[in-house]
Each structure stands twice: as structure tokens, then as C-alpha cells.
Amino acid sequence: MNRQPCRALLLLPVCVTSAVLGTSASAQNCEARSGPKPPAVVELYTSEGCSSCPPADRWLSTLKTQDGVLALSFHVNYWNHLGWRDPFATPETTARQYRLKEALGGKYVYTPQVVLNGRDHRGWGGQGARDLTPLPSAAAPGLRLVREGNQVTAQLAASPAHTTLAGYWAVLQDGLVSKVTRGENAGESLRHDHVVSLYQPVEPWPADQAHSARLNLPAGGNARVAFVVTDPGLTRPVQALVLQCTS
């Protein structure tokens, strides 16, 4: 089977062929603080309906235990018409890829696409965490994440290096498995890590002022929660931090 990337022109899909973990106090109360060096932010846009995507999914899983990298897997829904409905794709995660396409001046969206620190990154094959350039330290505002029960708060320091900042929450799930019965990956058992099960943008704020944002999590569960600070367009990260309470 041809393993070339799938791409979609405009809004009509046409397949050509196809960071620091928080220290814990209890299961529901913990916090994390950004260090002197922000991580590299790696976004993978993928779909279970695309035969080219499983190698990229497996590559992203290799970053799971690596320091200095925040990996995010955004599943998109525009290949659902090929016969398999991706259970992890949402309109919000799909819309984020279209936003990036506009910001980067792309002609189409495609899968698998890897975006490193807000830039298209096509040389990901075989790369490890050491090969992924981190975000610049000088422009990264201080960030603290605090979880109390099912509420997570992001506390951001003022940042004189910027005029306006924005950001987004990403709730991440690991070890998800699908047995695909239709479409290009029929018969495959696909495993995913870093899956963005909830993507929630945060409106821009004046960067010269301290700022806080809150996220209410569903009751129960112990998923990782990331906050990514970006430019006002939500496409270029400047700081990122992930938090997970452990028992």
C-alpha cells in the first residue's frame, strides 16, 4: 500500500494516496513549575483513517518518557469518509490544524503532519528528543500549574518579551488502542499516546500583566494536563508545561 501522506485541499479532503512532570501530593492535588529551559512542543496531526499515519503515531510514542519534549497528538476527522470513523478526532482538534495551515501559508492540510514549535517539521523520521530544538528560554514566561480536585489553574508571570499572549489547554491520554475494521487501516490494531482528548483555547491577555486560567476536568480519571502559552493567533508556542498527579 502506498504510504505517501494524505492531504486535503481547502475544506474538501482528497487523499492523494495515502516539560516537566508535576510532583504529586495526592491523587487530586499536585503542582508543577516551569524550569529555566522550556520544552520542545511537538504536535502530530494524525488519523486512524490514513494508512500513512501509524508510523508517525509510533514515532510520537517514543517521546513519551523523554525529558524536554511536550508531545501532542491531534486526531483529525476529515478522513472519516474513507470508511473508518476515528474515535479520537474532534471538530476542535481538526480546526486547529486548519488554523495552522493558514498561519503557515499552506495550500492544504495533510496527515501525518508534524509541527515543531509552530513550524512544519518534515524531518521527524528517526529523530529523538535530543534532535528536537526546544523553545527559546529568553521569551518563555514563568508558568505554574496547580491541580486541586478536578480544577487545574495555570498561573503565568508577566512577560516583557511579548505584547500579547494566548494559550490552550490539552488533556492528554496514553495507551489508547483501536482495532480498525474498515478503511485504509482495516485489520490493524493501532496504539496511541499523547492523544489530545480535550482541546480548549484561552483568549489573549496583555503579556505585561500576570494572568491565570482555569480548566475544570471531568470527575475521576488521572490524565495528564498540559498548558501551552502561544502567540495571540494560538499557533506559535512560547512556553509549555504538563502536569500529572500520581497516587
Protein backbone atom coordinates (compact mmCIF):
# COMPACT_ATOMS: atom_id res chain seq x y z
CA MET A 1 0.00 0.00 0.00
CA ASN A 2 1.30 3.41 -0.86
CA ARG A 3 2.38 5.21 2.30
CA GLN A 4 2.55 8.75 0.97
CA PRO A 5 0.94 11.44 3.16
CA CYS A 6 -2.74 12.21 2.72
CA ARG A 7 -3.70 15.79 2.10
CA ALA A 8 -6.89 17.79 1.86
CA LEU A 9 -7.35 20.79 -0.41
CA LEU A 10 -9.24 23.64 1.24
CA LEU A 11 -12.04 22.08 3.31
CA LEU A 12 -12.66 19.15 0.97
CA PRO A 13 -10.47 16.14 1.78
CA VAL A 14 -8.82 14.45 -1.19
CA CYS A 15 -6.38 11.67 -0.39
CA VAL A 16 -3.58 11.77 -2.94
CA THR A 17 -2.66 8.26 -1.80
CA SER A 18 -2.25 7.56 1.05
CA ALA A 19 8.00 19.84 30.30
CA VAL A 20 8.43 18.60 33.41
CA LEU A 21 6.09 16.31 35.26
CA GLY A 22 4.46 17.75 38.36
CA THR A 23 5.39 16.43 41.75
CA SER A 24 2.39 14.95 43.49
CA ALA A 25 0.93 15.46 46.93
CA SER A 26 -2.09 13.19 46.37
CA ALA A 27 -4.14 11.78 43.52
CA GLN A 28 -6.11 15.00 43.16
CA ASN A 29 -3.71 17.70 44.42
CA CYS A 30 -0.37 18.48 42.84
CA GLU A 31 1.54 21.20 41.03
CA ALA A 32 4.34 21.81 38.55
CA ARG A 33 6.54 24.81 37.77
CA SER A 34 8.39 25.67 34.59
CA GLY A 35 12.15 25.40 34.76
CA PRO A 36 14.88 27.53 33.18
CA LYS A 37 14.55 25.70 29.85
CA PRO A 38 11.14 25.32 28.14
CA PRO A 39 10.48 22.12 26.21
CA ALA A 40 10.17 21.49 22.50
CA VAL A 41 6.47 21.40 21.55
CA VAL A 42 5.68 18.66 19.04
CA GLU A 43 2.20 18.50 17.50
CA LEU A 44 1.24 15.48 15.39
CA TYR A 45 -1.85 15.69 13.19
CA THR A 46 -2.97 12.16 12.50
CA SER A 47 -5.94 9.96 11.67
CA GLU A 48 -6.82 6.31 12.03
CA GLY A 49 -8.33 6.59 8.56
CA CYS A 50 -4.98 7.30 6.90
CA SER A 51 -2.59 4.45 6.07
CA SER A 52 0.42 6.77 6.29
CA CYS A 53 -0.20 7.68 9.93
CA PRO A 54 0.69 4.59 12.03
CA PRO A 55 4.47 5.12 11.61
CA ALA A 56 4.11 8.70 12.84
CA ASP A 57 1.96 7.54 15.77
CA ARG A 58 4.63 5.03 16.74
CA TRP A 59 7.33 7.69 16.47
CA LEU A 60 5.41 10.05 18.75
CA SER A 61 5.09 7.27 21.33
CA THR A 62 8.90 7.09 21.56
CA LEU A 63 8.83 10.60 23.06
CA LYS A 64 6.61 9.54 25.97
CA THR A 65 9.36 9.20 28.56
CA GLN A 66 11.71 11.83 27.17
CA ASP A 67 12.57 14.99 29.08
CA GLY A 68 12.41 18.35 27.37
CA VAL A 69 9.58 17.48 24.97
CA LEU A 70 5.83 18.05 25.11
CA ALA A 71 4.23 15.74 22.55
CA LEU A 72 0.61 16.25 21.48
CA SER A 73 -1.38 14.00 19.15
CA PHE A 74 -4.26 15.85 17.45
CA HIS A 75 -6.58 13.43 15.65
CA VAL A 76 -8.47 14.96 12.71
CA ASN A 77 -11.82 13.97 11.25
CA TYR A 78 -11.57 14.76 7.53
CA TRP A 79 -10.68 11.18 6.57
CA ASN A 80 -13.70 9.66 8.30
CA HIS A 81 -15.44 9.34 4.93
CA LEU A 82 -12.88 6.72 3.82
CA GLY A 83 -14.72 4.03 5.79
CA TRP A 84 -13.43 4.33 9.36
CA ARG A 85 -14.50 6.97 11.88
CA ASP A 86 -11.56 7.98 14.05
CA PRO A 87 -12.87 7.73 17.64
CA PHE A 88 -10.36 10.31 18.92
CA ALA A 89 -10.94 13.01 16.30
CA THR A 90 -12.94 16.12 17.22
CA PRO A 91 -14.05 19.24 15.34
CA GLU A 92 -11.86 21.31 17.68
CA THR A 93 -8.64 19.39 17.05
CA THR A 94 -9.34 19.40 13.32
CA ALA A 95 -9.98 23.14 13.34
CA ARG A 96 -6.60 23.68 14.98
CA GLN A 97 -4.82 22.12 12.02
CA TYR A 98 -6.72 24.36 9.61
CA ARG A 99 -5.70 27.36 11.74
CA LEU A 100 -2.07 26.29 11.46
CA LYS A 101 -2.40 25.84 7.70
CA GLU A 102 -3.50 29.46 7.38
CA ALA A 103 -0.73 30.71 9.67
CA LEU A 104 1.94 28.79 7.77
CA GLY A 105 0.59 29.71 4.34
CA GLY A 106 -0.10 26.10 3.37
CA LYS A 107 -2.27 25.11 0.44
CA TYR A 108 -3.78 22.09 2.13
CA VAL A 109 -3.91 20.11 5.37
CA TYR A 110 -2.41 16.64 5.38
CA THR A 111 -1.67 13.66 7.59
CA PRO A 112 0.62 12.79 9.13
CA GLN A 113 1.86 16.31 9.80
CA VAL A 114 4.40 17.08 12.49
CA VAL A 115 4.64 20.67 13.71
CA LEU A 116 7.66 21.57 15.86
CA ASN A 117 7.41 24.80 17.85
CA GLY A 118 4.79 26.13 15.45
CA ARG A 119 6.68 25.25 12.25
CA ASP A 120 6.08 22.44 9.78
CA HIS A 121 8.64 19.72 10.52
CA ARG A 122 9.07 17.06 7.86
CA GLY A 123 12.35 15.53 9.02
CA TRP A 124 10.93 13.75 12.07
CA GLY A 125 11.65 10.19 10.97
CA GLY A 126 14.31 8.65 13.20
CA GLN A 127 14.67 11.73 15.37
CA GLY A 128 14.84 11.54 19.13
CA ALA A 129 14.22 14.11 21.83
CA ARG A 130 17.78 15.43 21.52
CA ASP A 131 17.15 16.30 17.88
CA LEU A 132 14.12 18.48 18.66
CA THR A 133 15.01 22.12 19.28
CA PRO A 134 13.43 23.49 22.47
CA LEU A 135 11.58 26.78 22.68
CA PRO A 136 13.79 29.84 23.31
CA SER A 137 14.34 30.43 27.01
CA ALA A 138 14.51 34.23 26.77
CA ALA A 139 10.92 34.55 25.52
CA ALA A 140 9.34 31.96 27.83
CA PRO A 141 7.19 33.38 30.66
CA GLY A 142 7.16 31.67 34.03
CA LEU A 143 4.34 29.14 34.33
CA ARG A 144 2.89 27.20 37.24
CA LEU A 145 0.15 24.56 37.09
CA VAL A 146 -1.84 23.67 40.20
CA ARG A 147 -4.49 20.96 40.48
CA GLU A 148 -6.99 20.96 43.32
CA GLY A 149 -9.60 18.26 42.94
CA ASN A 150 -10.91 18.47 39.38
CA GLN A 151 -9.79 22.05 38.75
CA VAL A 152 -6.43 22.96 37.22
CA THR A 153 -5.13 26.53 37.33
CA ALA A 154 -2.41 27.97 35.13
CA GLN A 155 -0.58 30.88 36.74
CA LEU A 156 1.51 32.97 34.35
CA ALA A 157 4.09 35.59 35.20
CA ALA A 158 4.23 38.88 33.35
CA SER A 159 6.34 38.67 30.20
CA PRO A 160 8.06 41.86 28.96
CA ALA A 161 9.28 39.95 25.90
CA HIS A 162 5.73 39.97 24.46
CA THR A 163 2.86 42.39 23.97
CA THR A 164 0.00 39.88 23.94
CA LEU A 165 -0.13 36.18 24.69
CA ALA A 166 -2.76 33.45 24.39
CA GLY A 167 -2.75 29.75 25.09
CA TYR A 168 -4.59 26.46 25.18
CA TRP A 169 -5.32 23.54 27.46
CA ALA A 170 -4.74 19.99 26.28
CA VAL A 171 -5.87 16.94 28.23
CA LEU A 172 -3.68 14.01 27.19
CA GLN A 173 -4.35 10.27 27.22
CA ASP A 174 -1.85 7.45 26.73
CA GLY A 175 -2.09 3.78 25.87
CA LEU A 176 -5.24 4.04 23.76
CA VAL A 177 -5.85 1.11 21.42
CA SER A 178 -8.19 0.72 18.45
CA LYS A 179 -8.91 -2.38 16.40
CA VAL A 180 -9.70 -0.95 12.99
CA THR A 181 -12.18 -2.94 10.94
CA ARG A 182 -12.69 -0.71 7.89
CA GLY A 183 -10.90 1.82 5.75
CA GLU A 184 -7.22 2.06 4.84
CA ASN A 185 -6.04 0.51 8.12
CA ALA A 186 -8.56 -2.34 8.20
CA GLY A 187 -7.28 -5.27 10.25
CA GLU A 188 -4.73 -3.18 12.15
CA SER A 189 -4.57 -2.74 15.92
CA LEU A 190 -3.43 0.85 16.47
CA ARG A 191 -1.94 2.18 19.69
CA HIS A 192 -1.73 5.88 20.54
CA ASP A 193 -0.05 8.01 23.18
CA HIS A 194 -0.29 11.76 23.89
CA VAL A 195 -3.82 11.87 22.43
CA VAL A 196 -5.47 15.27 22.92
CA SER A 197 -8.89 14.26 24.23
CA LEU A 198 -9.78 17.86 25.13
CA TYR A 199 -8.50 20.98 23.39
CA GLN A 200 -9.59 24.31 24.88
CA PRO A 201 -8.14 27.64 23.70
CA VAL A 202 -7.68 30.55 26.11
CA GLU A 203 -8.39 34.10 24.96
CA PRO A 204 -5.44 36.52 24.59
CA TRP A 205 -4.29 38.65 27.52
CA PRO A 206 -1.82 41.56 27.97
CA ALA A 207 1.60 39.95 28.38
CA ASP A 208 2.91 42.68 30.69
CA GLN A 209 0.46 41.54 33.36
CA ALA A 210 0.34 38.33 35.37
CA HIS A 211 -2.52 36.10 34.24
CA SER A 212 -4.35 32.96 35.32
CA ALA A 213 -6.59 30.48 33.52
CA ARG A 214 -8.65 27.59 34.84
CA LEU A 215 -9.80 24.25 33.48
CA ASN A 216 -12.47 22.03 35.01
CA LEU A 217 -11.76 18.37 34.41
CA PRO A 218 -14.34 15.59 34.25
CA ALA A 219 -14.79 13.82 37.56
CA GLY A 220 -12.44 10.91 38.10
CA GLY A 221 -9.50 9.94 35.97
CA ASN A 222 -5.87 10.95 36.21
CA ALA A 223 -5.00 12.19 32.74
CA ARG A 224 -2.05 14.43 32.04
CA VAL A 225 -2.96 18.09 31.58
CA ALA A 226 -0.83 20.48 29.54
CA PHE A 227 -0.98 24.24 29.18
CA VAL A 228 0.72 25.77 26.15
CA VAL A 229 1.39 29.52 26.01
CA THR A 230 1.28 30.88 22.47
CA ASP A 231 1.22 33.99 20.34
CA PRO A 232 -2.21 35.68 20.02
CA GLY A 233 -3.01 33.51 16.99
CA LEU A 234 -2.61 30.30 19.03
CA THR A 235 -0.14 28.88 16.52
CA ARG A 236 3.36 29.71 17.82
CA PRO A 237 4.17 28.30 21.30
CA VAL A 238 6.46 30.22 23.65
CA GLN A 239 6.13 28.11 26.83
CA ALA A 240 4.58 24.79 27.83
CA LEU A 241 4.14 22.67 30.92
CA VAL A 242 2.43 19.36 31.68
CA LEU A 243 1.03 18.13 34.97
CA GLN A 244 0.00 14.70 36.21
CA CYS A 245 -0.98 13.83 39.74
CA THR A 246 0.21 10.40 40.83
CA SER A 247 -1.07 8.20 43.61
